[in-house]
Amino acid sequence: MPRVACFLYPELRRLADDDRERALRRARRAALDVVELLGIAASLIVAMLVVRYALPAEAPSAMRAATLVGVCAITVGPFLLRRTRRALRSLP
């Protein structure tokens, strides 16, 4: 397991090396809670507004798509990280 995963998910450190990958897969399948769903919805709205109003109207589609992906990764990512960490904490 990469060191980055243990940095992002400190809950993995308490598990044996063999169990970490399986626990991470299970945690990523956990359901989103209300805070995470609302946060993701707000993040997508923010990303849409950034692409619409921060870029010039004549910006190429590829530039708009790259900006949208980047803004979504920055704004939605923490909510997905929160969900995974929450699920890892609840594992036995």
PDB file of N, CA and C in Angstrom:
ATOM      1  N   MET A   1       0.849  -1.173   0.000  1.00  0.00           N
ATOM      2  CA  MET A   1       0.000   0.000   0.000  1.00  0.00           C
ATOM      3  C   MET A   1       0.896   1.238   0.000  1.00  0.00           C
ATOM      4  N   PRO A   2       0.612   2.185  -0.886  1.00  0.00           N
ATOM      5  CA  PRO A   2       1.438   3.388  -0.957  1.00  0.00           C
ATOM      6  C   PRO A   2       1.387   4.189   0.344  1.00  0.00           C
ATOM      7  N   ARG A   3       2.450   4.917   0.603  1.00  0.00           N
ATOM      8  CA  ARG A   3       2.531   5.736   1.806  1.00  0.00           C
ATOM      9  C   ARG A   3       1.503   6.862   1.782  1.00  0.00           C
ATOM     10  N   VAL A   4       1.133   7.293   0.589  1.00  0.00           N
ATOM     11  CA  VAL A   4       0.146   8.373   0.474  1.00  0.00           C
ATOM     12  C   VAL A   4      -1.179   7.924   1.074  1.00  0.00           C
ATOM     13  N   ALA A   5      -1.566   6.687   0.834  1.00  0.00           N
ATOM     14  CA  ALA A   5      -2.830   6.175   1.375  1.00  0.00           C
ATOM     15  C   ALA A   5      -2.807   6.188   2.895  1.00  0.00           C
ATOM     16  N   CYS A   6      -1.695   5.821   3.491  1.00  0.00           N
ATOM     17  CA  CYS A   6      -1.604   5.842   4.954  1.00  0.00           C
ATOM     18  C   CYS A   6      -1.584   7.272   5.481  1.00  0.00           C
ATOM     19  N   PHE A   7      -1.079   8.199   4.691  1.00  0.00           N
ATOM     20  CA  PHE A   7      -1.107   9.612   5.096  1.00  0.00           C
ATOM     21  C   PHE A   7      -2.528  10.157   5.018  1.00  0.00           C
ATOM     22  N   LEU A   8      -3.237   9.851   3.927  1.00  0.00           N
ATOM     23  CA  LEU A   8      -4.610  10.335   3.757  1.00  0.00           C
ATOM     24  C   LEU A   8      -5.586   9.640   4.702  1.00  0.00           C
ATOM     25  N   TYR A   9      -5.334   8.381   4.982  1.00  0.00           N
ATOM     26  CA  TYR A   9      -6.227   7.584   5.816  1.00  0.00           C
ATOM     27  C   TYR A   9      -5.441   7.020   7.000  1.00  0.00           C
ATOM     28  N   PRO A  10      -5.217   7.799   8.054  1.00  0.00           N
ATOM     29  CA  PRO A  10      -4.442   7.291   9.199  1.00  0.00           C
ATOM     30  C   PRO A  10      -5.106   6.091   9.875  1.00  0.00           C
ATOM     31  N   GLU A  11      -6.386   5.900   9.635  1.00  0.00           N
ATOM     32  CA  GLU A  11      -7.094   4.763  10.213  1.00  0.00           C
ATOM     33  C   GLU A  11      -6.537   3.429   9.707  1.00  0.00           C
ATOM     34  N   LEU A  12      -5.866   3.449   8.544  1.00  0.00           N
ATOM     35  CA  LEU A  12      -5.310   2.220   7.977  1.00  0.00           C
ATOM     36  C   LEU A  12      -4.118   1.705   8.767  1.00  0.00           C
ATOM     37  N   ARG A  13      -3.465   2.574   9.515  1.00  0.00           N
ATOM     38  CA  ARG A  13      -2.255   2.168  10.243  1.00  0.00           C
ATOM     39  C   ARG A  13      -2.541   1.104  11.296  1.00  0.00           C
ATOM     40  N   ARG A  14      -3.756   1.069  11.809  1.00  0.00           N
ATOM     41  CA  ARG A  14      -4.072   0.089  12.853  1.00  0.00           C
ATOM     42  C   ARG A  14      -4.341  -1.297  12.278  1.00  0.00           C
ATOM     43  N   LEU A  15      -4.452  -1.390  10.944  1.00  0.00           N
ATOM     44  CA  LEU A  15      -4.743  -2.667  10.292  1.00  0.00           C
ATOM     45  C   LEU A  15      -3.455  -3.327   9.807  1.00  0.00           C
ATOM     46  N   ALA A  16      -3.494  -4.639   9.672  1.00  0.00           N
ATOM     47  CA  ALA A  16      -2.364  -5.369   9.105  1.00  0.00           C
ATOM     48  C   ALA A  16      -2.242  -5.019   7.622  1.00  0.00           C
ATOM     49  N   ASP A  17      -1.039  -5.135   7.100  1.00  0.00           N
ATOM     50  CA  ASP A  17      -0.787  -4.783   5.696  1.00  0.00           C
ATOM     51  C   ASP A  17      -1.698  -5.534   4.737  1.00  0.00           C
ATOM     52  N   ASP A  18      -1.987  -6.788   5.028  1.00  0.00           N
ATOM     53  CA  ASP A  18      -2.824  -7.597   4.146  1.00  0.00           C
ATOM     54  C   ASP A  18      -4.279  -7.128   4.126  1.00  0.00           C
ATOM     55  N   ASP A  19      -4.731  -6.534   5.210  1.00  0.00           N
ATOM     56  CA  ASP A  19      -6.128  -6.125   5.328  1.00  0.00           C
ATOM     57  C   ASP A  19      -6.399  -4.707   4.831  1.00  0.00           C
ATOM     58  N   ARG A  20      -5.385  -3.926   4.617  1.00  0.00           N
ATOM     59  CA  ARG A  20      -5.577  -2.516   4.281  1.00  0.00           C
ATOM     60  C   ARG A  20      -6.298  -2.304   2.951  1.00  0.00           C
ATOM     61  N   GLU A  21      -5.888  -3.017   1.938  1.00  0.00           N
ATOM     62  CA  GLU A  21      -6.499  -2.844   0.614  1.00  0.00           C
ATOM     63  C   GLU A  21      -7.976  -3.226   0.635  1.00  0.00           C
ATOM     64  N   ARG A  22      -8.288  -4.326   1.273  1.00  0.00           N
ATOM     65  CA  ARG A  22      -9.679  -4.777   1.368  1.00  0.00           C
ATOM     66  C   ARG A  22     -10.525  -3.793   2.182  1.00  0.00           C
ATOM     67  N   ALA A  23      -9.975  -3.289   3.266  1.00  0.00           N
ATOM     68  CA  ALA A  23     -10.705  -2.317   4.093  1.00  0.00           C
ATOM     69  C   ALA A  23     -10.940  -1.028   3.313  1.00  0.00           C
ATOM     70  N   LEU A  24      -9.974  -0.606   2.541  1.00  0.00           N
ATOM     71  CA  LEU A  24     -10.119   0.613   1.742  1.00  0.00           C
ATOM     72  C   LEU A  24     -11.183   0.435   0.665  1.00  0.00           C
ATOM     73  N   ARG A  25     -11.228  -0.720   0.023  1.00  0.00           N
ATOM     74  CA  ARG A  25     -12.273  -0.984  -0.975  1.00  0.00           C
ATOM     75  C   ARG A  25     -13.658  -0.964  -0.341  1.00  0.00           C
ATOM     76  N   ARG A  26     -13.781  -1.586   0.831  1.00  0.00           N
ATOM     77  CA  ARG A  26     -15.074  -1.590   1.535  1.00  0.00           C
ATOM     78  C   ARG A  26     -15.487  -0.182   1.941  1.00  0.00           C
ATOM     79  N   ALA A  27     -14.545   0.591   2.409  1.00  0.00           N
ATOM     80  CA  ALA A  27     -14.849   1.952   2.864  1.00  0.00           C
ATOM     81  C   ALA A  27     -15.274   2.845   1.699  1.00  0.00           C
ATOM     82  N   ARG A  28     -14.705   2.636   0.541  1.00  0.00           N
ATOM     83  CA  ARG A  28     -15.066   3.461  -0.617  1.00  0.00           C
ATOM     84  C   ARG A  28     -16.452   3.138  -1.160  1.00  0.00           C
ATOM     85  N   ARG A  29     -17.000   1.993  -0.776  1.00  0.00           N
ATOM     86  CA  ARG A  29     -18.357   1.637  -1.195  1.00  0.00           C
ATOM     87  C   ARG A  29     -19.420   2.105  -0.209  1.00  0.00           C
ATOM     88  N   ALA A  30     -18.995   2.726   0.870  1.00  0.00           N
ATOM     89  CA  ALA A  30     -19.946   3.181   1.892  1.00  0.00           C
ATOM     90  C   ALA A  30     -20.852   4.268   1.324  1.00  0.00           C
ATOM     91  N   ALA A  31     -22.039   4.358   1.892  1.00  0.00           N
ATOM     92  CA  ALA A  31     -23.002   5.366   1.441  1.00  0.00           C
ATOM     93  C   ALA A  31     -22.572   6.757   1.908  1.00  0.00           C
ATOM     94  N   LEU A  32     -22.940   7.740   1.119  1.00  0.00           N
ATOM     95  CA  LEU A  32     -22.672   9.129   1.482  1.00  0.00           C
ATOM     96  C   LEU A  32     -23.716   9.600   2.487  1.00  0.00           C
ATOM     97  N   ASP A  33     -23.294  10.428   3.447  1.00  0.00           N
ATOM     98  CA  ASP A  33     -24.281  10.979   4.374  1.00  0.00           C
ATOM     99  C   ASP A  33     -24.782  12.324   3.843  1.00  0.00           C
ATOM    100  N   VAL A  34     -25.682  12.948   4.571  1.00  0.00           N
ATOM    101  CA  VAL A  34     -26.339  14.178   4.104  1.00  0.00           C
ATOM    102  C   VAL A  34     -25.328  15.306   3.896  1.00  0.00           C
ATOM    103  N   VAL A  35     -24.409  15.464   4.830  1.00  0.00           N
ATOM    104  CA  VAL A  35     -23.404  16.535   4.713  1.00  0.00           C
ATOM    105  C   VAL A  35     -22.577  16.343   3.448  1.00  0.00           C
ATOM    106  N   GLU A  36     -22.176  15.127   3.188  1.00  0.00           N
ATOM    107  CA  GLU A  36     -21.363  14.851   2.004  1.00  0.00           C
ATOM    108  C   GLU A  36     -22.156  15.082   0.725  1.00  0.00           C
ATOM    109  N   LEU A  37     -23.405  14.644   0.698  1.00  0.00           N
ATOM    110  CA  LEU A  37     -24.227  14.865  -0.498  1.00  0.00           C
ATOM    111  C   LEU A  37     -24.443  16.353  -0.766  1.00  0.00           C
ATOM    112  N   LEU A  38     -24.771  17.098   0.281  1.00  0.00           N
ATOM    113  CA  LEU A  38     -24.962  18.548   0.106  1.00  0.00           C
ATOM    114  C   LEU A  38     -23.666  19.236  -0.289  1.00  0.00           C
ATOM    115  N   GLY A  39     -22.567  18.809   0.287  1.00  0.00           N
ATOM    116  CA  GLY A  39     -21.272  19.382  -0.061  1.00  0.00           C
ATOM    117  C   GLY A  39     -20.893  19.107  -1.505  1.00  0.00           C
ATOM    118  N   ILE A  40     -21.147  17.912  -1.970  1.00  0.00           N
ATOM    119  CA  ILE A  40     -20.846  17.572  -3.368  1.00  0.00           C
ATOM    120  C   ILE A  40     -21.733  18.381  -4.308  1.00  0.00           C
ATOM    121  N   ALA A  41     -23.008  18.511  -3.963  1.00  0.00           N
ATOM    122  CA  ALA A  41     -23.914  19.312  -4.801  1.00  0.00           C
ATOM    123  C   ALA A  41     -23.447  20.760  -4.865  1.00  0.00           C
ATOM    124  N   ALA A  42     -23.079  21.337  -3.727  1.00  0.00           N
ATOM    125  CA  ALA A  42     -22.592  22.717  -3.701  1.00  0.00           C
ATOM    126  C   ALA A  42     -21.280  22.838  -4.474  1.00  0.00           C
ATOM    127  N   SER A  43     -20.425  21.841  -4.371  1.00  0.00           N
ATOM    128  CA  SER A  43     -19.155  21.853  -5.093  1.00  0.00           C
ATOM    129  C   SER A  43     -19.367  21.841  -6.602  1.00  0.00           C
ATOM    130  N   LEU A  44     -20.323  21.058  -7.056  1.00  0.00           N
ATOM    131  CA  LEU A  44     -20.600  21.011  -8.492  1.00  0.00           C
ATOM    132  C   LEU A  44     -21.164  22.338  -8.986  1.00  0.00           C
ATOM    133  N   ILE A  45     -21.970  22.989  -8.171  1.00  0.00           N
ATOM    134  CA  ILE A  45     -22.486  24.313  -8.538  1.00  0.00           C
ATOM    135  C   ILE A  45     -21.352  25.316  -8.614  1.00  0.00           C
ATOM    136  N   VAL A  46     -20.450  25.290  -7.641  1.00  0.00           N
ATOM    137  CA  VAL A  46     -19.292  26.191  -7.654  1.00  0.00           C
ATOM    138  C   VAL A  46     -18.437  25.931  -8.887  1.00  0.00           C
ATOM    139  N   ALA A  47     -18.207  24.682  -9.210  1.00  0.00           N
ATOM    140  CA  ALA A  47     -17.394  24.352 -10.392  1.00  0.00           C
ATOM    141  C   ALA A  47     -18.042  24.878 -11.662  1.00  0.00           C
ATOM    142  N   MET A  48     -19.351  24.735 -11.760  1.00  0.00           N
ATOM    143  CA  MET A  48     -20.064  25.240 -12.940  1.00  0.00           C
ATOM    144  C   MET A  48     -19.953  26.761 -13.029  1.00  0.00           C
ATOM    145  N   LEU A  49     -20.093  27.438 -11.896  1.00  0.00           N
ATOM    146  CA  LEU A  49     -19.985  28.899 -11.896  1.00  0.00           C
ATOM    147  C   LEU A  49     -18.582  29.374 -12.260  1.00  0.00           C
ATOM    148  N   VAL A  50     -17.575  28.660 -11.781  1.00  0.00           N
ATOM    149  CA  VAL A  50     -16.195  29.025 -12.135  1.00  0.00           C
ATOM    150  C   VAL A  50     -15.982  28.914 -13.629  1.00  0.00           C
ATOM    151  N   VAL A  51     -16.433  27.811 -14.213  1.00  0.00           N
ATOM    152  CA  VAL A  51     -16.245  27.622 -15.653  1.00  0.00           C
ATOM    153  C   VAL A  51     -17.046  28.663 -16.447  1.00  0.00           C
ATOM    154  N   ARG A  52     -18.215  28.968 -15.980  1.00  0.00           N
ATOM    155  CA  ARG A  52     -19.068  29.891 -16.722  1.00  0.00           C
ATOM    156  C   ARG A  52     -18.585  31.339 -16.644  1.00  0.00           C
ATOM    157  N   TYR A  53     -18.188  31.786 -15.445  1.00  0.00           N
ATOM    158  CA  TYR A  53     -17.897  33.198 -15.260  1.00  0.00           C
ATOM    159  C   TYR A  53     -16.414  33.547 -15.137  1.00  0.00           C
ATOM    160  N   ALA A  54     -15.563  32.612 -14.798  1.00  0.00           N
ATOM    161  CA  ALA A  54     -14.150  32.928 -14.635  1.00  0.00           C
ATOM    162  C   ALA A  54     -13.362  32.783 -15.936  1.00  0.00           C
ATOM    163  N   LEU A  55     -13.876  31.992 -16.845  1.00  0.00           N
ATOM    164  CA  LEU A  55     -13.192  31.815 -18.126  1.00  0.00           C
ATOM    165  C   LEU A  55     -13.806  32.736 -19.171  1.00  0.00           C
ATOM    166  N   PRO A  56     -13.002  33.211 -20.097  1.00  0.00           N
ATOM    167  CA  PRO A  56     -13.569  34.041 -21.166  1.00  0.00           C
ATOM    168  C   PRO A  56     -14.525  33.229 -22.043  1.00  0.00           C
ATOM    169  N   ALA A  57     -15.478  33.901 -22.623  1.00  0.00           N
ATOM    170  CA  ALA A  57     -16.495  33.229 -23.439  1.00  0.00           C
ATOM    171  C   ALA A  57     -15.887  32.495 -24.630  1.00  0.00           C
ATOM    172  N   GLU A  58     -14.783  32.996 -25.129  1.00  0.00           N
ATOM    173  CA  GLU A  58     -14.174  32.362 -26.299  1.00  0.00           C
ATOM    174  C   GLU A  58     -13.138  31.298 -25.932  1.00  0.00           C
ATOM    175  N   ALA A  59     -13.117  30.860 -24.686  1.00  0.00           N
ATOM    176  CA  ALA A  59     -12.182  29.807 -24.261  1.00  0.00           C
ATOM    177  C   ALA A  59     -12.532  28.495 -24.960  1.00  0.00           C
ATOM    178  N   PRO A  60     -11.519  27.765 -25.392  1.00  0.00           N
ATOM    179  CA  PRO A  60     -11.777  26.490 -26.072  1.00  0.00           C
ATOM    180  C   PRO A  60     -12.456  25.482 -25.140  1.00  0.00           C
ATOM    181  N   SER A  61     -13.176  24.576 -25.739  1.00  0.00           N
ATOM    182  CA  SER A  61     -13.899  23.562 -24.962  1.00  0.00           C
ATOM    183  C   SER A  61     -12.953  22.707 -24.134  1.00  0.00           C
ATOM    184  N   ALA A  62     -11.789  22.394 -24.681  1.00  0.00           N
ATOM    185  CA  ALA A  62     -10.822  21.577 -23.943  1.00  0.00           C
ATOM    186  C   ALA A  62     -10.359  22.308 -22.688  1.00  0.00           C
ATOM    187  N   MET A  63     -10.191  23.608 -22.785  1.00  0.00           N
ATOM    188  CA  MET A  63      -9.782  24.399 -21.628  1.00  0.00           C
ATOM    189  C   MET A  63     -10.900  24.429 -20.584  1.00  0.00           C
ATOM    190  N   ARG A  64     -12.111  24.550 -21.030  1.00  0.00           N
ATOM    191  CA  ARG A  64     -13.258  24.539 -20.113  1.00  0.00           C
ATOM    192  C   ARG A  64     -13.370  23.181 -19.419  1.00  0.00           C
ATOM    193  N   ALA A  65     -13.200  22.109 -20.170  1.00  0.00           N
ATOM    194  CA  ALA A  65     -13.291  20.768 -19.599  1.00  0.00           C
ATOM    195  C   ALA A  65     -12.169  20.529 -18.586  1.00  0.00           C
ATOM    196  N   ALA A  66     -10.954  20.933 -18.915  1.00  0.00           N
ATOM    197  CA  ALA A  66      -9.835  20.755 -17.996  1.00  0.00           C
ATOM    198  C   ALA A  66     -10.046  21.565 -16.717  1.00  0.00           C
ATOM    199  N   THR A  67     -10.557  22.767 -16.857  1.00  0.00           N
ATOM    200  CA  THR A  67     -10.837  23.599 -15.678  1.00  0.00           C
ATOM    201  C   THR A  67     -11.922  22.965 -14.826  1.00  0.00           C
ATOM    202  N   LEU A  68     -12.956  22.465 -15.454  1.00  0.00           N
ATOM    203  CA  LEU A  68     -14.054  21.830 -14.725  1.00  0.00           C
ATOM    204  C   LEU A  68     -13.569  20.607 -13.953  1.00  0.00           C
ATOM    205  N   VAL A  69     -12.751  19.787 -14.586  1.00  0.00           N
ATOM    206  CA  VAL A  69     -12.222  18.599 -13.909  1.00  0.00           C
ATOM    207  C   VAL A  69     -11.353  19.002 -12.721  1.00  0.00           C
ATOM    208  N   GLY A  70     -10.512  20.000 -12.907  1.00  0.00           N
ATOM    209  CA  GLY A  70      -9.645  20.453 -11.821  1.00  0.00           C
ATOM    210  C   GLY A  70     -10.421  21.025 -10.649  1.00  0.00           C
ATOM    211  N   VAL A  71     -11.396  21.870 -10.944  1.00  0.00           N
ATOM    212  CA  VAL A  71     -12.197  22.462  -9.869  1.00  0.00           C
ATOM    213  C   VAL A  71     -13.017  21.394  -9.156  1.00  0.00           C
ATOM    214  N   CYS A  72     -13.558  20.444  -9.898  1.00  0.00           N
ATOM    215  CA  CYS A  72     -14.314  19.347  -9.267  1.00  0.00           C
ATOM    216  C   CYS A  72     -13.410  18.509  -8.365  1.00  0.00           C
ATOM    217  N   ALA A  73     -12.196  18.226  -8.813  1.00  0.00           N
ATOM    218  CA  ALA A  73     -11.272  17.440  -7.993  1.00  0.00           C
ATOM    219  C   ALA A  73     -10.945  18.157  -6.689  1.00  0.00           C
ATOM    220  N   ILE A  74     -10.772  19.459  -6.765  1.00  0.00           N
ATOM    221  CA  ILE A  74     -10.429  20.232  -5.569  1.00  0.00           C
ATOM    222  C   ILE A  74     -11.613  20.379  -4.626  1.00  0.00           C
ATOM    223  N   THR A  75     -12.807  20.552  -5.164  1.00  0.00           N
ATOM    224  CA  THR A  75     -13.960  20.817  -4.307  1.00  0.00           C
ATOM    225  C   THR A  75     -14.727  19.563  -3.889  1.00  0.00           C
ATOM    226  N   VAL A  76     -14.779  18.560  -4.735  1.00  0.00           N
ATOM    227  CA  VAL A  76     -15.513  17.332  -4.401  1.00  0.00           C
ATOM    228  C   VAL A  76     -14.626  16.348  -3.639  1.00  0.00           C
ATOM    229  N   GLY A  77     -13.357  16.355  -3.928  1.00  0.00           N
ATOM    230  CA  GLY A  77     -12.421  15.418  -3.308  1.00  0.00           C
ATOM    231  C   GLY A  77     -12.486  15.335  -1.793  1.00  0.00           C
ATOM    232  N   PRO A  78     -12.498  16.461  -1.087  1.00  0.00           N
ATOM    233  CA  PRO A  78     -12.550  16.376   0.380  1.00  0.00           C
ATOM    234  C   PRO A  78     -13.796  15.666   0.913  1.00  0.00           C
ATOM    235  N   PHE A  79     -14.901  15.762   0.222  1.00  0.00           N
ATOM    236  CA  PHE A  79     -16.115  15.072   0.680  1.00  0.00           C
ATOM    237  C   PHE A  79     -15.996  13.565   0.473  1.00  0.00           C
ATOM    238  N   LEU A  80     -15.361  13.150  -0.609  1.00  0.00           N
ATOM    239  CA  LEU A  80     -15.136  11.720  -0.824  1.00  0.00           C
ATOM    240  C   LEU A  80     -14.107  11.186   0.166  1.00  0.00           C
ATOM    241  N   LEU A  81     -13.100  11.990   0.470  1.00  0.00           N
ATOM    242  CA  LEU A  81     -12.114  11.624   1.474  1.00  0.00           C
ATOM    243  C   LEU A  81     -12.774  11.477   2.845  1.00  0.00           C
ATOM    244  N   ARG A  82     -13.676  12.385   3.169  1.00  0.00           N
ATOM    245  CA  ARG A  82     -14.406  12.340   4.444  1.00  0.00           C
ATOM    246  C   ARG A  82     -15.227  11.056   4.550  1.00  0.00           C
ATOM    247  N   ARG A  83     -15.909  10.703   3.466  1.00  0.00           N
ATOM    248  CA  ARG A  83     -16.729   9.488   3.469  1.00  0.00           C
ATOM    249  C   ARG A  83     -15.872   8.245   3.719  1.00  0.00           C
ATOM    250  N   THR A  84     -14.724   8.167   3.054  1.00  0.00           N
ATOM    251  CA  THR A  84     -13.867   7.006   3.203  1.00  0.00           C
ATOM    252  C   THR A  84     -13.294   6.929   4.616  1.00  0.00           C
ATOM    253  N   ARG A  85     -12.857   8.069   5.159  1.00  0.00           N
ATOM    254  CA  ARG A  85     -12.317   8.068   6.511  1.00  0.00           C
ATOM    255  C   ARG A  85     -13.392   7.699   7.538  1.00  0.00           C
ATOM    256  N   ARG A  86     -14.590   8.204   7.340  1.00  0.00           N
ATOM    257  CA  ARG A  86     -15.705   7.884   8.248  1.00  0.00           C
ATOM    258  C   ARG A  86     -15.985   6.381   8.218  1.00  0.00           C
ATOM    259  N   ALA A  87     -15.995   5.814   7.025  1.00  0.00           N
ATOM    260  CA  ALA A  87     -16.254   4.375   6.894  1.00  0.00           C
ATOM    261  C   ALA A  87     -15.128   3.543   7.487  1.00  0.00           C
ATOM    262  N   LEU A  88     -13.885   3.992   7.337  1.00  0.00           N
ATOM    263  CA  LEU A  88     -12.766   3.253   7.925  1.00  0.00           C
ATOM    264  C   LEU A  88     -12.831   3.273   9.447  1.00  0.00           C
ATOM    265  N   ARG A  89     -13.265   4.380  10.019  1.00  0.00           N
ATOM    266  CA  ARG A  89     -13.391   4.460  11.481  1.00  0.00           C
ATOM    267  C   ARG A  89     -14.462   3.505  12.001  1.00  0.00           C
ATOM    268  N   SER A  90     -15.468   3.229  11.203  1.00  0.00           N
ATOM    269  CA  SER A  90     -16.559   2.360  11.667  1.00  0.00           C
ATOM    270  C   SER A  90     -16.276   0.869  11.440  1.00  0.00           C
ATOM    271  N   LEU A  91     -15.194   0.532  10.755  1.00  0.00           N
ATOM    272  CA  LEU A  91     -14.864  -0.878  10.544  1.00  0.00           C
ATOM    273  C   LEU A  91     -14.441  -1.507  11.860  1.00  0.00           C
ATOM    274  N   PRO A  92     -14.736  -2.782  12.025  1.00  0.00           N
ATOM    275  CA  PRO A  92     -14.334  -3.465  13.276  1.00  0.00           C
ATOM    276  C   PRO A  92     -12.844  -3.624  13.395  1.00  0.00           C
TER     277      PRO A  92
END
